[in-house]
Amino acid sequence: MAAKRRKKNEVKVPQPNIRVRLDYKTVITLKDASKLDFWREKYPKLEVLD
């Protein structure tokens, strides 16, 4: 019986999380920068912390 070969995993570059303050008491963490536009439409006074 032939041995199975494993696939080589692609190296994934971790992206830093983005901390965002939506209002005076709400802070969320985004994994993707493309989601920032979605939240900016709902909260125009949003602040990026990191």
N, C-alpha and C. Protein backbone atom coordinates (compact mmCIF):
# COMPACT_ATOMS: atom_id res chain seq x y z
N MET A 1 0.84 -1.18 0.00
CA MET A 1 0.00 0.00 0.00
C MET A 1 0.89 1.24 0.00
N ALA A 2 0.59 2.18 -0.84
CA ALA A 2 1.39 3.39 -0.98
C ALA A 2 1.12 4.35 0.18
N ALA A 3 2.15 5.04 0.59
CA ALA A 3 2.01 6.02 1.68
C ALA A 3 1.36 7.29 1.13
N LYS A 4 0.49 7.87 1.93
CA LYS A 4 -0.16 9.12 1.54
C LYS A 4 0.76 10.29 1.81
N ARG A 5 0.76 11.24 0.91
CA ARG A 5 1.57 12.44 1.11
C ARG A 5 0.69 13.54 1.69
N ARG A 6 1.24 14.27 2.60
CA ARG A 6 0.51 15.40 3.19
C ARG A 6 0.70 16.64 2.33
N LYS A 7 -0.34 17.46 2.30
CA LYS A 7 -0.23 18.74 1.61
C LYS A 7 0.61 19.69 2.47
N LYS A 8 1.41 20.47 1.81
CA LYS A 8 2.15 21.49 2.54
C LYS A 8 1.21 22.66 2.81
N ASN A 9 1.12 23.04 4.04
CA ASN A 9 0.25 24.16 4.40
C ASN A 9 0.88 25.47 3.98
N GLU A 10 0.05 26.35 3.48
CA GLU A 10 0.52 27.68 3.12
C GLU A 10 0.77 28.47 4.40
N VAL A 11 1.77 29.29 4.37
CA VAL A 11 2.09 30.11 5.53
C VAL A 11 1.13 31.30 5.54
N LYS A 12 0.36 31.42 6.60
CA LYS A 12 -0.57 32.53 6.73
C LYS A 12 0.07 33.62 7.58
N VAL A 13 0.02 34.83 7.08
CA VAL A 13 0.57 35.96 7.82
C VAL A 13 -0.54 36.50 8.71
N PRO A 14 -0.33 36.46 10.03
CA PRO A 14 -1.39 36.97 10.91
C PRO A 14 -1.54 38.47 10.79
N GLN A 15 -2.78 38.91 10.72
CA GLN A 15 -3.05 40.34 10.65
C GLN A 15 -3.39 40.82 12.05
N PRO A 16 -2.90 41.97 12.41
CA PRO A 16 -3.22 42.47 13.75
C PRO A 16 -4.69 42.83 13.87
N ASN A 17 -5.22 42.59 15.03
CA ASN A 17 -6.61 42.98 15.29
C ASN A 17 -6.69 44.49 15.45
N ILE A 18 -7.85 45.05 15.11
CA ILE A 18 -8.05 46.49 15.17
C ILE A 18 -9.08 46.77 16.27
N ARG A 19 -8.68 47.52 17.28
CA ARG A 19 -9.61 47.89 18.35
C ARG A 19 -10.26 49.21 17.98
N VAL A 20 -11.60 49.25 18.12
CA VAL A 20 -12.38 50.40 17.69
C VAL A 20 -13.34 50.79 18.80
N ARG A 21 -13.41 52.09 19.10
CA ARG A 21 -14.39 52.60 20.06
C ARG A 21 -15.57 53.14 19.27
N LEU A 22 -16.73 52.52 19.47
CA LEU A 22 -17.93 52.94 18.74
C LEU A 22 -18.58 54.15 19.40
N ASP A 23 -18.72 54.12 20.71
CA ASP A 23 -19.24 55.25 21.47
C ASP A 23 -18.48 55.30 22.78
N TYR A 24 -18.93 56.08 23.72
CA TYR A 24 -18.14 56.32 24.94
C TYR A 24 -17.94 55.08 25.79
N LYS A 25 -18.76 54.03 25.62
CA LYS A 25 -18.59 52.85 26.46
C LYS A 25 -18.43 51.55 25.69
N THR A 26 -18.47 51.57 24.37
CA THR A 26 -18.41 50.35 23.58
C THR A 26 -17.12 50.29 22.78
N VAL A 27 -16.33 49.23 23.05
CA VAL A 27 -15.09 48.98 22.30
C VAL A 27 -15.21 47.60 21.69
N ILE A 28 -14.94 47.48 20.38
CA ILE A 28 -14.98 46.19 19.72
C ILE A 28 -13.63 45.92 19.06
N THR A 29 -13.38 44.66 18.73
CA THR A 29 -12.16 44.26 18.05
C THR A 29 -12.53 43.70 16.69
N LEU A 30 -11.91 44.24 15.65
CA LEU A 30 -12.15 43.77 14.28
C LEU A 30 -10.97 42.95 13.81
N LYS A 31 -11.23 41.84 13.15
CA LYS A 31 -10.16 41.01 12.62
C LYS A 31 -9.76 41.42 11.22
N ASP A 32 -10.64 42.15 10.54
CA ASP A 32 -10.40 42.50 9.15
C ASP A 32 -10.65 44.00 8.96
N ALA A 33 -9.75 44.67 8.28
CA ALA A 33 -9.89 46.11 8.08
C ALA A 33 -11.05 46.47 7.17
N SER A 34 -11.52 45.53 6.37
CA SER A 34 -12.63 45.82 5.47
C SER A 34 -13.93 46.01 6.24
N LYS A 35 -14.03 45.48 7.46
CA LYS A 35 -15.23 45.63 8.28
C LYS A 35 -15.33 47.03 8.88
N LEU A 36 -14.23 47.78 8.84
CA LEU A 36 -14.21 49.12 9.41
C LEU A 36 -15.21 50.04 8.70
N ASP A 37 -15.33 49.92 7.40
CA ASP A 37 -16.28 50.74 6.65
C ASP A 37 -17.72 50.46 7.06
N PHE A 38 -18.04 49.19 7.32
CA PHE A 38 -19.38 48.81 7.76
C PHE A 38 -19.74 49.51 9.07
N TRP A 39 -18.81 49.48 10.03
CA TRP A 39 -19.08 50.09 11.33
C TRP A 39 -19.07 51.61 11.25
N ARG A 40 -18.27 52.18 10.34
CA ARG A 40 -18.21 53.64 10.22
C ARG A 40 -19.53 54.21 9.71
N GLU A 41 -20.27 53.43 8.90
CA GLU A 41 -21.57 53.89 8.43
C GLU A 41 -22.57 53.99 9.59
N LYS A 42 -22.52 53.04 10.52
CA LYS A 42 -23.45 53.02 11.64
C LYS A 42 -23.05 53.98 12.75
N TYR A 43 -21.73 54.15 12.94
CA TYR A 43 -21.20 55.01 14.01
C TYR A 43 -20.21 56.01 13.39
N PRO A 44 -20.69 57.16 12.94
CA PRO A 44 -19.79 58.12 12.29
C PRO A 44 -18.71 58.70 13.20
N LYS A 45 -18.91 58.68 14.51
CA LYS A 45 -17.91 59.22 15.44
C LYS A 45 -16.96 58.16 15.95
N LEU A 46 -16.83 57.07 15.25
CA LEU A 46 -15.98 55.95 15.64
C LEU A 46 -14.52 56.35 15.73
N GLU A 47 -13.79 55.81 16.70
CA GLU A 47 -12.36 56.09 16.87
C GLU A 47 -11.59 54.78 16.78
N VAL A 48 -10.49 54.78 16.03
CA VAL A 48 -9.61 53.61 15.96
C VAL A 48 -8.58 53.74 17.07
N LEU A 49 -8.51 52.74 17.97
CA LEU A 49 -7.61 52.80 19.11
C LEU A 49 -6.22 52.24 18.81
N ASP A 50 -6.14 51.16 18.06
CA ASP A 50 -4.84 50.55 17.73
C ASP A 50 -4.64 50.57 16.24
